[in-house]
Amino acid sequence: MKNLRQVVTKAVIAKGKQRTEKEVTLLPPNRPSSILGCWVINHTHSAKKTGSSIEVTGKFDVNVWYSHHDHSKTSVFTETVTYKDKIRLRYRDEPSSSKEEIRVEVLQQPNCTEAIISDCKEKFLIKVERELVAEVIGETKVMITVHPNDFEEEWSFDDESSHHQSHANEGGSRVGKDNSQF
């Protein structure tokens, strides 16, 4: 036991992952005839720990290219959508100090999976999916084995690896250590 030590280090002590698909309802200024395209851009987010979860607050812009006035005109409608996700954490180690770092990685940026015009023919119904993974980095203890100072790892040395060997080249010249035969 005298050769064991506890080392305090930073490590991922808790992790959580969440995939979300939500429907967003948007009301454009013109009555849509058809949807020509939809894309999601400008995603930003921030995170904080609340109990045994990470709360992620974010926003993104939804852009819908659509025709209106009986398919005679087109426009792009843009709206910023906000969200709040709660990601449950699974702990490997309980926190040993209050100094924790929160990291949120976006595995799947928010993107449109479906865009349709509502039954009332005035709104867009947009399905947006995203996937996030959250990590809590904190101090944890690991056990290591300490070897005595007189411990020497065994190395196997080839005599040839520390000396230059002579090689014959195709012309028959011999190249030695001093390369004087060139």
Protein backbone atom coordinates (compact mmCIF):
# COMPACT_ATOMS: atom_id res chain seq x y z
CA MET A 1 0.00 0.00 0.00
CA LYS A 2 2.93 2.37 0.51
CA ASN A 3 3.44 2.42 -3.29
CA LEU A 4 -0.07 3.76 -3.98
CA ARG A 5 -0.84 7.47 -4.34
CA GLN A 6 -4.02 9.44 -4.90
CA VAL A 7 -3.72 12.05 -7.62
CA VAL A 8 -6.28 14.83 -7.92
CA THR A 9 -6.94 15.68 -11.57
CA LYS A 10 -9.60 17.11 -13.85
CA ALA A 11 -11.78 14.65 -15.74
CA VAL A 12 -15.26 14.30 -17.20
CA ILE A 13 -17.32 13.37 -14.13
CA ALA A 14 -20.79 13.54 -15.72
CA LYS A 15 -22.23 13.36 -19.22
CA GLY A 16 -25.61 13.61 -20.93
CA LYS A 17 -26.94 13.56 -24.47
CA GLN A 18 -30.24 14.69 -25.94
CA ARG A 19 -31.81 14.64 -29.38
CA THR A 20 -34.77 16.97 -29.87
CA GLU A 21 -37.28 17.31 -32.68
CA LYS A 22 -39.82 20.12 -32.28
CA GLU A 23 -42.38 21.69 -34.54
CA VAL A 24 -42.12 25.45 -34.97
CA THR A 25 -45.10 27.48 -36.22
CA LEU A 26 -44.26 30.60 -38.24
CA LEU A 27 -46.67 33.24 -39.59
CA PRO A 28 -45.35 34.94 -42.75
CA PRO A 29 -46.67 38.37 -43.85
CA ASN A 30 -48.12 36.94 -47.12
CA ARG A 31 -50.44 33.96 -47.50
CA PRO A 32 -48.14 31.20 -48.83
CA SER A 33 -48.89 29.27 -52.03
CA SER A 34 -45.98 26.80 -51.70
CA ILE A 35 -42.71 26.28 -49.85
CA LEU A 36 -39.66 26.36 -52.11
CA GLY A 37 -37.02 25.76 -49.44
CA CYS A 38 -36.28 25.92 -45.75
CA TRP A 39 -32.98 26.14 -43.88
CA VAL A 40 -31.77 26.84 -40.35
CA ILE A 41 -28.73 29.05 -39.66
CA ASN A 42 -27.01 31.14 -36.97
CA HIS A 43 -27.30 28.69 -34.08
CA THR A 44 -25.92 29.93 -30.76
CA HIS A 45 -26.29 28.51 -27.26
CA SER A 46 -25.16 28.81 -23.65
CA ALA A 47 -25.37 26.35 -20.79
CA LYS A 48 -25.55 26.23 -17.01
CA LYS A 49 -25.82 23.45 -14.47
CA THR A 50 -29.07 23.17 -12.55
CA GLY A 51 -29.10 20.29 -10.07
CA SER A 52 -28.32 17.05 -11.89
CA SER A 53 -29.06 18.55 -15.33
CA ILE A 54 -27.54 20.97 -17.79
CA GLU A 55 -29.89 23.66 -19.04
CA VAL A 56 -29.06 24.77 -22.58
CA THR A 57 -30.57 28.03 -23.80
CA GLY A 58 -30.22 28.69 -27.51
CA LYS A 59 -31.55 30.33 -30.61
CA PHE A 60 -31.41 29.91 -34.37
CA ASP A 61 -32.87 31.54 -37.47
CA VAL A 62 -35.37 29.68 -39.65
CA ASN A 63 -35.49 30.87 -43.25
CA VAL A 64 -38.40 29.81 -45.47
CA TRP A 65 -38.35 30.57 -49.18
CA TYR A 66 -41.92 30.50 -50.39
CA SER A 67 -44.23 31.59 -53.19
CA HIS A 68 -47.30 33.75 -52.58
CA HIS A 69 -49.98 35.70 -54.45
CA ASP A 70 -51.07 32.55 -56.28
CA HIS A 71 -47.46 31.50 -57.15
CA SER A 72 -46.71 34.86 -58.82
CA LYS A 73 -44.14 36.17 -56.28
CA THR A 74 -41.47 34.69 -53.99
CA SER A 75 -40.06 35.85 -50.68
CA VAL A 76 -37.82 34.61 -47.92
CA PHE A 77 -39.33 34.79 -44.45
CA THR A 78 -36.90 34.72 -41.51
CA GLU A 79 -37.71 34.29 -37.84
CA THR A 80 -35.48 33.73 -34.82
CA VAL A 81 -36.57 30.76 -32.70
CA THR A 82 -35.46 30.33 -29.08
CA TYR A 83 -35.30 27.08 -27.12
CA LYS A 84 -34.44 25.73 -23.70
CA ASP A 85 -33.31 22.09 -23.40
CA LYS A 86 -32.70 20.25 -20.15
CA ILE A 87 -30.10 17.48 -20.52
CA ARG A 88 -30.07 14.90 -17.71
CA LEU A 89 -26.61 13.94 -16.50
CA ARG A 90 -25.21 10.55 -15.62
CA TYR A 91 -22.40 10.75 -13.10
CA ARG A 92 -19.26 8.60 -13.04
CA ASP A 93 -17.80 10.46 -10.07
CA GLU A 94 -19.51 12.74 -7.59
CA PRO A 95 -18.10 16.28 -7.63
CA SER A 96 -15.26 16.73 -5.15
CA SER A 97 -15.16 20.54 -5.41
CA SER A 98 -17.40 23.36 -6.52
CA LYS A 99 -15.08 24.22 -9.42
CA GLU A 100 -16.86 22.57 -12.33
CA GLU A 101 -16.65 23.37 -16.01
CA ILE A 102 -19.61 22.83 -18.33
CA ARG A 103 -19.12 21.92 -22.00
CA VAL A 104 -21.87 21.53 -24.57
CA GLU A 105 -21.02 20.10 -27.98
CA VAL A 106 -23.45 20.23 -30.87
CA LEU A 107 -23.58 16.77 -32.48
CA GLN A 108 -26.32 17.80 -34.94
CA GLN A 109 -26.82 21.47 -35.74
CA PRO A 110 -30.50 22.46 -35.83
CA ASN A 111 -31.87 21.60 -39.26
CA CYS A 112 -35.23 21.40 -40.98
CA THR A 113 -36.60 17.87 -41.42
CA GLU A 114 -40.03 18.89 -42.71
CA ALA A 115 -41.67 22.14 -43.87
CA ILE A 116 -45.38 22.30 -44.73
CA ILE A 117 -48.15 24.88 -44.97
CA SER A 118 -50.76 24.58 -42.21
CA ASP A 119 -54.36 23.51 -42.89
CA CYS A 120 -55.51 27.12 -42.53
CA LYS A 121 -53.10 27.99 -45.40
CA GLU A 122 -51.60 30.93 -43.47
CA LYS A 123 -48.73 29.45 -41.43
CA PHE A 124 -45.63 27.32 -41.86
CA LEU A 125 -45.20 24.20 -39.75
CA ILE A 126 -41.47 23.49 -39.58
CA LYS A 127 -39.94 20.44 -37.85
CA VAL A 128 -36.45 21.17 -36.54
CA GLU A 129 -34.10 18.55 -35.09
CA ARG A 130 -30.92 19.04 -33.08
CA GLU A 131 -28.65 16.88 -30.91
CA LEU A 132 -26.48 18.07 -28.04
CA VAL A 133 -24.06 16.39 -25.65
CA ALA A 134 -23.17 17.99 -22.31
CA GLU A 135 -20.17 17.25 -20.11
CA VAL A 136 -19.27 18.30 -16.59
CA ILE A 137 -15.54 18.51 -15.96
CA GLY A 138 -14.50 18.48 -12.33
CA GLU A 139 -11.82 17.33 -9.97
CA THR A 140 -11.59 13.63 -9.29
CA LYS A 141 -9.11 11.30 -7.61
CA VAL A 142 -7.20 8.52 -9.34
CA MET A 143 -4.93 5.92 -7.80
CA ILE A 144 -1.47 5.29 -9.22
CA THR A 145 1.31 2.89 -8.36
CA VAL A 146 4.63 4.54 -7.51
CA HIS A 147 7.78 2.60 -8.33
CA PRO A 148 10.88 2.96 -6.15
CA ASN A 149 13.58 5.35 -7.34
CA ASP A 150 16.03 2.51 -8.00
CA PHE A 151 13.66 0.94 -10.50
CA GLU A 152 15.16 0.86 -13.99
CA GLU A 153 13.08 -0.18 -16.96
CA GLU A 154 14.83 -2.81 -19.01
CA TRP A 155 15.83 -1.74 -22.51
CA SER A 156 17.13 -3.98 -25.19
CA PHE A 157 19.84 -2.32 -27.28
CA ASP A 158 21.01 -3.63 -30.62
CA ASP A 159 24.70 -2.97 -31.18
CA GLU A 160 23.96 -2.27 -34.83
CA SER A 161 21.50 0.53 -34.03
CA SER A 162 24.18 2.68 -32.38
CA HIS A 163 26.90 2.13 -35.05
CA HIS A 164 26.92 2.89 -38.76
CA GLN A 165 27.14 -0.13 -40.98
CA SER A 166 28.88 -0.26 -44.31
CA HIS A 167 26.65 -0.78 -47.30
CA ALA A 168 27.55 -1.60 -50.87
CA ASN A 169 25.79 0.55 -53.44
CA GLU A 170 24.98 -0.52 -56.99
CA GLY A 171 28.22 0.89 -58.42
CA GLY A 172 30.30 -1.28 -56.11
CA SER A 173 31.66 1.64 -54.03
CA ARG A 174 31.92 1.12 -50.34
CA VAL A 175 30.54 3.86 -48.09
CA GLY A 176 32.05 3.91 -44.64
CA LYS A 177 31.56 5.97 -41.50
CA ASP A 178 33.46 8.97 -42.82
CA ASN A 179 31.83 9.01 -46.28
CA SER A 180 35.33 9.74 -47.75
CA GLN A 181 34.87 7.52 -50.78
CA PHE A 182 32.54 9.91 -52.67
